[in-house]
Amino acid sequence: MARRSADERIGMLLLEHADTDPRQAPRGFGMVTRTHAEIAQAAAMTRPHVSVTLGRFRRRGLIRYRRHEPIAVEIDRMRLYLERLNRAGL
């Protein structure tokens, strides 16, 4: 993971930890209950860097979240975004 960009590292972690149980997540979304600090630790990044990256994801429409609520990951859009990053070699 160390060679991947912040977007790739965090995006992959969100997809990996997204719960897509229809009782918990809206259709097409996965819910991630990890905190920014937990994501930072798993991605070997700082918590502020994770928060900035998640903010960028939110502005791009890849995720939705509010304080003290799970992160809702738009699964298909996140996968497409990560594929584009991978193809571009970013």
PDB file of N, CA and C in Angstrom:
ATOM      1  N   MET A   1       0.814  -1.199   0.000  1.00  0.00           N
ATOM      2  CA  MET A   1       0.000   0.000   0.000  1.00  0.00           C
ATOM      3  C   MET A   1       0.851   1.254   0.000  1.00  0.00           C
ATOM      4  N   ALA A   2       2.072   1.184   0.470  1.00  0.00           N
ATOM      5  CA  ALA A   2       2.898   2.376   0.619  1.00  0.00           C
ATOM      6  C   ALA A   2       3.145   3.092  -0.700  1.00  0.00           C
ATOM      7  N   ARG A   3       3.102   2.396  -1.815  1.00  0.00           N
ATOM      8  CA  ARG A   3       3.359   3.024  -3.116  1.00  0.00           C
ATOM      9  C   ARG A   3       2.116   3.656  -3.732  1.00  0.00           C
ATOM     10  N   ARG A   4       0.988   3.449  -3.158  1.00  0.00           N
ATOM     11  CA  ARG A   4      -0.253   3.975  -3.697  1.00  0.00           C
ATOM     12  C   ARG A   4      -0.487   5.393  -3.202  1.00  0.00           C
ATOM     13  N   SER A   5      -1.238   6.171  -3.988  1.00  0.00           N
ATOM     14  CA  SER A   5      -1.576   7.536  -3.589  1.00  0.00           C
ATOM     15  C   SER A   5      -2.533   7.498  -2.399  1.00  0.00           C
ATOM     16  N   ALA A   6      -2.676   8.629  -1.740  1.00  0.00           N
ATOM     17  CA  ALA A   6      -3.607   8.724  -0.613  1.00  0.00           C
ATOM     18  C   ALA A   6      -5.019   8.356  -1.057  1.00  0.00           C
ATOM     19  N   ASP A   7      -5.430   8.852  -2.214  1.00  0.00           N
ATOM     20  CA  ASP A   7      -6.766   8.543  -2.715  1.00  0.00           C
ATOM     21  C   ASP A   7      -6.947   7.038  -2.900  1.00  0.00           C
ATOM     22  N   GLU A   8      -5.966   6.387  -3.477  1.00  0.00           N
ATOM     23  CA  GLU A   8      -6.062   4.943  -3.694  1.00  0.00           C
ATOM     24  C   GLU A   8      -6.094   4.190  -2.370  1.00  0.00           C
ATOM     25  N   ARG A   9      -5.211   4.558  -1.452  1.00  0.00           N
ATOM     26  CA  ARG A   9      -5.127   3.852  -0.175  1.00  0.00           C
ATOM     27  C   ARG A   9      -6.438   3.962   0.595  1.00  0.00           C
ATOM     28  N   ILE A  10      -6.947   5.171   0.704  1.00  0.00           N
ATOM     29  CA  ILE A  10      -8.165   5.370   1.480  1.00  0.00           C
ATOM     30  C   ILE A  10      -9.372   4.805   0.731  1.00  0.00           C
ATOM     31  N   GLY A  11      -9.432   5.007  -0.574  1.00  0.00           N
ATOM     32  CA  GLY A  11     -10.533   4.464  -1.367  1.00  0.00           C
ATOM     33  C   GLY A  11     -10.618   2.950  -1.261  1.00  0.00           C
ATOM     34  N   MET A  12      -9.481   2.290  -1.350  1.00  0.00           N
ATOM     35  CA  MET A  12      -9.461   0.831  -1.240  1.00  0.00           C
ATOM     36  C   MET A  12      -9.893   0.376   0.151  1.00  0.00           C
ATOM     37  N   LEU A  13      -9.430   1.078   1.177  1.00  0.00           N
ATOM     38  CA  LEU A  13      -9.843   0.734   2.539  1.00  0.00           C
ATOM     39  C   LEU A  13     -11.344   0.907   2.730  1.00  0.00           C
ATOM     40  N   LEU A  14     -11.884   1.996   2.202  1.00  0.00           N
ATOM     41  CA  LEU A  14     -13.324   2.225   2.331  1.00  0.00           C
ATOM     42  C   LEU A  14     -14.107   1.114   1.648  1.00  0.00           C
ATOM     43  N   LEU A  15     -13.691   0.718   0.453  1.00  0.00           N
ATOM     44  CA  LEU A  15     -14.376  -0.370  -0.247  1.00  0.00           C
ATOM     45  C   LEU A  15     -14.249  -1.688   0.520  1.00  0.00           C
ATOM     46  N   GLU A  16     -13.070  -1.927   1.065  1.00  0.00           N
ATOM     47  CA  GLU A  16     -12.825  -3.164   1.804  1.00  0.00           C
ATOM     48  C   GLU A  16     -13.702  -3.257   3.054  1.00  0.00           C
ATOM     49  N   HIS A  17     -13.928  -2.136   3.709  1.00  0.00           N
ATOM     50  CA  HIS A  17     -14.661  -2.138   4.981  1.00  0.00           C
ATOM     51  C   HIS A  17     -16.124  -1.722   4.850  1.00  0.00           C
ATOM     52  N   ALA A  18     -16.579  -1.507   3.635  1.00  0.00           N
ATOM     53  CA  ALA A  18     -17.959  -1.072   3.428  1.00  0.00           C
ATOM     54  C   ALA A  18     -18.935  -2.224   3.640  1.00  0.00           C
ATOM     55  N   ASP A  19     -19.888  -2.013   4.519  1.00  0.00           N
ATOM     56  CA  ASP A  19     -20.945  -2.992   4.781  1.00  0.00           C
ATOM     57  C   ASP A  19     -22.097  -2.692   3.829  1.00  0.00           C
ATOM     58  N   THR A  20     -22.377  -3.622   2.939  1.00  0.00           N
ATOM     59  CA  THR A  20     -23.428  -3.403   1.933  1.00  0.00           C
ATOM     60  C   THR A  20     -24.728  -4.112   2.297  1.00  0.00           C
ATOM     61  N   ASP A  21     -24.865  -4.518   3.534  1.00  0.00           N
ATOM     62  CA  ASP A  21     -26.101  -5.148   3.996  1.00  0.00           C
ATOM     63  C   ASP A  21     -27.268  -4.198   3.731  1.00  0.00           C
ATOM     64  N   PRO A  22     -28.269  -4.619   2.955  1.00  0.00           N
ATOM     65  CA  PRO A  22     -29.371  -3.720   2.600  1.00  0.00           C
ATOM     66  C   PRO A  22     -30.154  -3.198   3.807  1.00  0.00           C
ATOM     67  N   ARG A  23     -30.037  -3.871   4.938  1.00  0.00           N
ATOM     68  CA  ARG A  23     -30.720  -3.373   6.144  1.00  0.00           C
ATOM     69  C   ARG A  23     -29.970  -2.184   6.748  1.00  0.00           C
ATOM     70  N   GLN A  24     -28.682  -2.039   6.383  1.00  0.00           N
ATOM     71  CA  GLN A  24     -27.850  -0.988   6.955  1.00  0.00           C
ATOM     72  C   GLN A  24     -27.500   0.121   5.964  1.00  0.00           C
ATOM     73  N   ALA A  25     -27.467  -0.210   4.678  1.00  0.00           N
ATOM     74  CA  ALA A  25     -26.974   0.735   3.676  1.00  0.00           C
ATOM     75  C   ALA A  25     -28.007   0.955   2.575  1.00  0.00           C
ATOM     76  N   PRO A  26     -28.135   2.192   2.104  1.00  0.00           N
ATOM     77  CA  PRO A  26     -29.006   2.439   0.952  1.00  0.00           C
ATOM     78  C   PRO A  26     -28.487   1.681  -0.273  1.00  0.00           C
ATOM     79  N   ARG A  27     -29.348   1.393  -1.198  1.00  0.00           N
ATOM     80  CA  ARG A  27     -28.967   0.663  -2.412  1.00  0.00           C
ATOM     81  C   ARG A  27     -27.813   1.392  -3.120  1.00  0.00           C
ATOM     82  N   GLY A  28     -26.771   0.631  -3.459  1.00  0.00           N
ATOM     83  CA  GLY A  28     -25.616   1.181  -4.163  1.00  0.00           C
ATOM     84  C   GLY A  28     -24.553   1.757  -3.244  1.00  0.00           C
ATOM     85  N   PHE A  29     -24.825   1.754  -1.941  1.00  0.00           N
ATOM     86  CA  PHE A  29     -23.872   2.305  -0.975  1.00  0.00           C
ATOM     87  C   PHE A  29     -23.392   1.221  -0.031  1.00  0.00           C
ATOM     88  N   GLY A  30     -22.227   1.464   0.537  1.00  0.00           N
ATOM     89  CA  GLY A  30     -21.702   0.653   1.624  1.00  0.00           C
ATOM     90  C   GLY A  30     -21.426   1.577   2.787  1.00  0.00           C
ATOM     91  N   MET A  31     -21.664   1.108   3.983  1.00  0.00           N
ATOM     92  CA  MET A  31     -21.474   1.933   5.165  1.00  0.00           C
ATOM     93  C   MET A  31     -20.181   1.539   5.878  1.00  0.00           C
ATOM     94  N   VAL A  32     -19.369   2.535   6.189  1.00  0.00           N
ATOM     95  CA  VAL A  32     -18.108   2.325   6.888  1.00  0.00           C
ATOM     96  C   VAL A  32     -18.220   2.999   8.248  1.00  0.00           C
ATOM     97  N   THR A  33     -18.046   2.229   9.298  1.00  0.00           N
ATOM     98  CA  THR A  33     -18.210   2.762  10.643  1.00  0.00           C
ATOM     99  C   THR A  33     -16.881   3.143  11.299  1.00  0.00           C
ATOM    100  N   ARG A  34     -15.803   3.053  10.590  1.00  0.00           N
ATOM    101  CA  ARG A  34     -14.502   3.414  11.159  1.00  0.00           C
ATOM    102  C   ARG A  34     -14.361   4.926  11.264  1.00  0.00           C
ATOM    103  N   THR A  35     -13.622   5.362  12.271  1.00  0.00           N
ATOM    104  CA  THR A  35     -13.360   6.785  12.450  1.00  0.00           C
ATOM    105  C   THR A  35     -12.218   7.214  11.540  1.00  0.00           C
ATOM    106  N   HIS A  36     -12.034   8.518  11.410  1.00  0.00           N
ATOM    107  CA  HIS A  36     -10.912   9.037  10.618  1.00  0.00           C
ATOM    108  C   HIS A  36      -9.595   8.526  11.198  1.00  0.00           C
ATOM    109  N   ALA A  37      -9.501   8.474  12.508  1.00  0.00           N
ATOM    110  CA  ALA A  37      -8.266   7.994  13.150  1.00  0.00           C
ATOM    111  C   ALA A  37      -8.013   6.528  12.835  1.00  0.00           C
ATOM    112  N   GLU A  38      -9.056   5.712  12.845  1.00  0.00           N
ATOM    113  CA  GLU A  38      -8.899   4.290  12.526  1.00  0.00           C
ATOM    114  C   GLU A  38      -8.515   4.094  11.067  1.00  0.00           C
ATOM    115  N   ILE A  39      -9.100   4.877  10.186  1.00  0.00           N
ATOM    116  CA  ILE A  39      -8.737   4.806   8.770  1.00  0.00           C
ATOM    117  C   ILE A  39      -7.286   5.232   8.594  1.00  0.00           C
ATOM    118  N   ALA A  40      -6.893   6.292   9.283  1.00  0.00           N
ATOM    119  CA  ALA A  40      -5.509   6.777   9.199  1.00  0.00           C
ATOM    120  C   ALA A  40      -4.523   5.706   9.642  1.00  0.00           C
ATOM    121  N   GLN A  41      -4.824   5.040  10.733  1.00  0.00           N
ATOM    122  CA  GLN A  41      -3.929   3.996  11.220  1.00  0.00           C
ATOM    123  C   GLN A  41      -3.829   2.857  10.202  1.00  0.00           C
ATOM    124  N   ALA A  42      -4.944   2.432   9.652  1.00  0.00           N
ATOM    125  CA  ALA A  42      -4.946   1.334   8.674  1.00  0.00           C
ATOM    126  C   ALA A  42      -4.221   1.716   7.386  1.00  0.00           C
ATOM    127  N   ALA A  43      -4.282   2.998   7.014  1.00  0.00           N
ATOM    128  CA  ALA A  43      -3.655   3.468   5.775  1.00  0.00           C
ATOM    129  C   ALA A  43      -2.232   3.968   5.984  1.00  0.00           C
ATOM    130  N   ALA A  44      -1.751   3.951   7.229  1.00  0.00           N
ATOM    131  CA  ALA A  44      -0.424   4.464   7.581  1.00  0.00           C
ATOM    132  C   ALA A  44      -0.282   5.932   7.169  1.00  0.00           C
ATOM    133  N   MET A  45      -1.296   6.711   7.548  1.00  0.00           N
ATOM    134  CA  MET A  45      -1.338   8.137   7.232  1.00  0.00           C
ATOM    135  C   MET A  45      -1.713   8.905   8.491  1.00  0.00           C
ATOM    136  N   THR A  46      -1.642  10.225   8.426  1.00  0.00           N
ATOM    137  CA  THR A  46      -2.085  11.028   9.557  1.00  0.00           C
ATOM    138  C   THR A  46      -3.599  11.232   9.475  1.00  0.00           C
ATOM    139  N   ARG A  47      -4.221  11.458  10.635  1.00  0.00           N
ATOM    140  CA  ARG A  47      -5.654  11.692  10.650  1.00  0.00           C
ATOM    141  C   ARG A  47      -6.037  12.935   9.864  1.00  0.00           C
ATOM    142  N   PRO A  48      -5.276  14.059   9.978  1.00  0.00           N
ATOM    143  CA  PRO A  48      -5.638  15.225   9.163  1.00  0.00           C
ATOM    144  C   PRO A  48      -5.583  14.947   7.657  1.00  0.00           C
ATOM    145  N   HIS A  49      -4.598  14.151   7.222  1.00  0.00           N
ATOM    146  CA  HIS A  49      -4.496  13.820   5.796  1.00  0.00           C
ATOM    147  C   HIS A  49      -5.714  13.003   5.358  1.00  0.00           C
ATOM    148  N   VAL A  50      -6.142  12.090   6.201  1.00  0.00           N
ATOM    149  CA  VAL A  50      -7.332  11.291   5.898  1.00  0.00           C
ATOM    150  C   VAL A  50      -8.555  12.201   5.804  1.00  0.00           C
ATOM    151  N   SER A  51      -8.687  13.137   6.746  1.00  0.00           N
ATOM    152  CA  SER A  51      -9.845  14.041   6.728  1.00  0.00           C
ATOM    153  C   SER A  51      -9.875  14.891   5.465  1.00  0.00           C
ATOM    154  N   VAL A  52      -8.713  15.368   5.030  1.00  0.00           N
ATOM    155  CA  VAL A  52      -8.637  16.156   3.789  1.00  0.00           C
ATOM    156  C   VAL A  52      -9.036  15.291   2.597  1.00  0.00           C
ATOM    157  N   THR A  53      -8.536  14.071   2.551  1.00  0.00           N
ATOM    158  CA  THR A  53      -8.850  13.164   1.443  1.00  0.00           C
ATOM    159  C   THR A  53     -10.337  12.809   1.436  1.00  0.00           C
ATOM    160  N   LEU A  54     -10.905  12.546   2.605  1.00  0.00           N
ATOM    161  CA  LEU A  54     -12.333  12.247   2.671  1.00  0.00           C
ATOM    162  C   LEU A  54     -13.169  13.453   2.242  1.00  0.00           C
ATOM    163  N   GLY A  55     -12.720  14.645   2.589  1.00  0.00           N
ATOM    164  CA  GLY A  55     -13.406  15.854   2.133  1.00  0.00           C
ATOM    165  C   GLY A  55     -13.389  15.969   0.624  1.00  0.00           C
ATOM    166  N   ARG A  56     -12.252  15.619   0.015  1.00  0.00           N
ATOM    167  CA  ARG A  56     -12.147  15.630  -1.450  1.00  0.00           C
ATOM    168  C   ARG A  56     -13.086  14.585  -2.058  1.00  0.00           C
ATOM    169  N   PHE A  57     -13.152  13.401  -1.447  1.00  0.00           N
ATOM    170  CA  PHE A  57     -14.071  12.359  -1.915  1.00  0.00           C
ATOM    171  C   PHE A  57     -15.520  12.845  -1.823  1.00  0.00           C
ATOM    172  N   ARG A  58     -15.836  13.542  -0.744  1.00  0.00           N
ATOM    173  CA  ARG A  58     -17.205  14.036  -0.564  1.00  0.00           C
ATOM    174  C   ARG A  58     -17.548  15.052  -1.648  1.00  0.00           C
ATOM    175  N   ARG A  59     -16.623  15.963  -1.943  1.00  0.00           N
ATOM    176  CA  ARG A  59     -16.875  16.960  -2.989  1.00  0.00           C
ATOM    177  C   ARG A  59     -17.030  16.309  -4.366  1.00  0.00           C
ATOM    178  N   ARG A  60     -16.381  15.188  -4.587  1.00  0.00           N
ATOM    179  CA  ARG A  60     -16.496  14.470  -5.866  1.00  0.00           C
ATOM    180  C   ARG A  60     -17.735  13.579  -5.921  1.00  0.00           C
ATOM    181  N   GLY A  61     -18.466  13.493  -4.829  1.00  0.00           N
ATOM    182  CA  GLY A  61     -19.674  12.670  -4.796  1.00  0.00           C
ATOM    183  C   GLY A  61     -19.411  11.191  -4.608  1.00  0.00           C
ATOM    184  N   LEU A  62     -18.232  10.837  -4.099  1.00  0.00           N
ATOM    185  CA  LEU A  62     -17.884   9.433  -3.900  1.00  0.00           C
ATOM    186  C   LEU A  62     -18.363   8.908  -2.551  1.00  0.00           C
ATOM    187  N   ILE A  63     -18.485   9.796  -1.577  1.00  0.00           N
ATOM    188  CA  ILE A  63     -18.925   9.415  -0.234  1.00  0.00           C
ATOM    189  C   ILE A  63     -19.862  10.494   0.312  1.00  0.00           C
ATOM    190  N   ARG A  64     -20.573  10.116   1.368  1.00  0.00           N
ATOM    191  CA  ARG A  64     -21.394  11.051   2.137  1.00  0.00           C
ATOM    192  C   ARG A  64     -21.112  10.769   3.606  1.00  0.00           C
ATOM    193  N   TYR A  65     -20.965  11.813   4.384  1.00  0.00           N
ATOM    194  CA  TYR A  65     -20.837  11.598   5.829  1.00  0.00           C
ATOM    195  C   TYR A  65     -21.072  12.892   6.582  1.00  0.00           C
ATOM    196  N   ARG A  66     -21.402  12.706   7.852  1.00  0.00           N
ATOM    197  CA  ARG A  66     -21.552  13.787   8.814  1.00  0.00           C
ATOM    198  C   ARG A  66     -20.888  13.342  10.107  1.00  0.00           C
ATOM    199  N   ARG A  67     -20.667  14.278  10.974  1.00  0.00           N
ATOM    200  CA  ARG A  67     -20.074  13.934  12.273  1.00  0.00           C
ATOM    201  C   ARG A  67     -20.895  12.857  12.972  1.00  0.00           C
ATOM    202  N   HIS A  68     -20.170  11.923  13.570  1.00  0.00           N
ATOM    203  CA  HIS A  68     -20.762  10.870  14.396  1.00  0.00           C
ATOM    204  C   HIS A  68     -21.715   9.957  13.622  1.00  0.00           C
ATOM    205  N   GLU A  69     -21.556   9.893  12.312  1.00  0.00           N
ATOM    206  CA  GLU A  69     -22.348   8.984  11.487  1.00  0.00           C
ATOM    207  C   GLU A  69     -21.404   8.163  10.621  1.00  0.00           C
ATOM    208  N   PRO A  70     -21.828   6.978  10.203  1.00  0.00           N
ATOM    209  CA  PRO A  70     -20.981   6.169   9.311  1.00  0.00           C
ATOM    210  C   PRO A  70     -20.753   6.895   7.982  1.00  0.00           C
ATOM    211  N   ILE A  71     -19.671   6.527   7.331  1.00  0.00           N
ATOM    212  CA  ILE A  71     -19.370   7.048   5.999  1.00  0.00           C
ATOM    213  C   ILE A  71     -20.123   6.190   4.993  1.00  0.00           C
ATOM    214  N   ALA A  72     -20.915   6.830   4.142  1.00  0.00           N
ATOM    215  CA  ALA A  72     -21.652   6.120   3.090  1.00  0.00           C
ATOM    216  C   ALA A  72     -20.821   6.206   1.810  1.00  0.00           C
ATOM    217  N   VAL A  73     -20.335   5.065   1.351  1.00  0.00           N
ATOM    218  CA  VAL A  73     -19.495   4.999   0.162  1.00  0.00           C
ATOM    219  C   VAL A  73     -20.358   4.605  -1.031  1.00  0.00           C
ATOM    220  N   GLU A  74     -20.325   5.421  -2.073  1.00  0.00           N
ATOM    221  CA  GLU A  74     -21.034   5.068  -3.298  1.00  0.00           C
ATOM    222  C   GLU A  74     -20.131   4.075  -4.047  1.00  0.00           C
ATOM    223  N   ILE A  75     -20.439   2.809  -3.887  1.00  0.00           N
ATOM    224  CA  ILE A  75     -19.558   1.706  -4.300  1.00  0.00           C
ATOM    225  C   ILE A  75     -19.124   1.801  -5.762  1.00  0.00           C
ATOM    226  N   ASP A  76     -20.055   1.874  -6.689  1.00  0.00           N
ATOM    227  CA  ASP A  76     -19.709   1.863  -8.114  1.00  0.00           C
ATOM    228  C   ASP A  76     -18.879   3.089  -8.499  1.00  0.00           C
ATOM    229  N   ARG A  77     -19.253   4.249  -7.991  1.00  0.00           N
ATOM    230  CA  ARG A  77     -18.496   5.472  -8.313  1.00  0.00           C
ATOM    231  C   ARG A  77     -17.080   5.404  -7.761  1.00  0.00           C
ATOM    232  N   MET A  78     -16.920   4.868  -6.544  1.00  0.00           N
ATOM    233  CA  MET A  78     -15.588   4.754  -5.952  1.00  0.00           C
ATOM    234  C   MET A  78     -14.736   3.784  -6.756  1.00  0.00           C
ATOM    235  N   ARG A  79     -15.302   2.663  -7.143  1.00  0.00           N
ATOM    236  CA  ARG A  79     -14.539   1.695  -7.955  1.00  0.00           C
ATOM    237  C   ARG A  79     -14.096   2.316  -9.273  1.00  0.00           C
ATOM    238  N   LEU A  80     -14.996   3.013  -9.932  1.00  0.00           N
ATOM    239  CA  LEU A  80     -14.669   3.675 -11.195  1.00  0.00           C
ATOM    240  C   LEU A  80     -13.566   4.711 -10.990  1.00  0.00           C
ATOM    241  N   TYR A  81     -13.672   5.502  -9.942  1.00  0.00           N
ATOM    242  CA  TYR A  81     -12.654   6.518  -9.638  1.00  0.00           C
ATOM    243  C   TYR A  81     -11.287   5.862  -9.419  1.00  0.00           C
ATOM    244  N   LEU A  82     -11.243   4.784  -8.658  1.00  0.00           N
ATOM    245  CA  LEU A  82      -9.976   4.099  -8.392  1.00  0.00           C
ATOM    246  C   LEU A  82      -9.406   3.459  -9.657  1.00  0.00           C
ATOM    247  N   GLU A  83     -10.269   2.925 -10.506  1.00  0.00           N
ATOM    248  CA  GLU A  83      -9.806   2.360 -11.781  1.00  0.00           C
ATOM    249  C   GLU A  83      -9.173   3.445 -12.645  1.00  0.00           C
ATOM    250  N   ARG A  84      -9.799   4.617 -12.684  1.00  0.00           N
ATOM    251  CA  ARG A  84      -9.247   5.723 -13.458  1.00  0.00           C
ATOM    252  C   ARG A  84      -7.895   6.173 -12.909  1.00  0.00           C
ATOM    253  N   LEU A  85      -7.775   6.230 -11.595  1.00  0.00           N
ATOM    254  CA  LEU A  85      -6.485   6.583 -10.991  1.00  0.00           C
ATOM    255  C   LEU A  85      -5.421   5.570 -11.373  1.00  0.00           C
ATOM    256  N   ASN A  86      -5.791   4.301 -11.311  1.00  0.00           N
ATOM    257  CA  ASN A  86      -4.852   3.227 -11.619  1.00  0.00           C
ATOM    258  C   ASN A  86      -4.390   3.293 -13.068  1.00  0.00           C
ATOM    259  N   ARG A  87      -5.338   3.537 -13.995  1.00  0.00           N
ATOM    260  CA  ARG A  87      -4.990   3.637 -15.420  1.00  0.00           C
ATOM    261  C   ARG A  87      -4.107   4.840 -15.688  1.00  0.00           C
ATOM    262  N   ALA A  88      -4.373   5.930 -14.977  1.00  0.00           N
ATOM    263  CA  ALA A  88      -3.601   7.158 -15.194  1.00  0.00           C
ATOM    264  C   ALA A  88      -2.226   7.069 -14.534  1.00  0.00           C
ATOM    265  N   GLY A  89      -2.050   6.085 -13.657  1.00  0.00           N
ATOM    266  CA  GLY A  89      -0.762   5.934 -12.988  1.00  0.00           C
ATOM    267  C   GLY A  89      -0.528   6.997 -11.939  1.00  0.00           C
ATOM    268  N   LEU A  90      -1.590   7.568 -11.400  1.00  0.00           N
ATOM    269  CA  LEU A  90      -1.471   8.606 -10.376  1.00  0.00           C
ATOM    270  C   LEU A  90      -1.326   8.011  -9.007  1.00  0.00           C
TER     271      LEU A  90
END
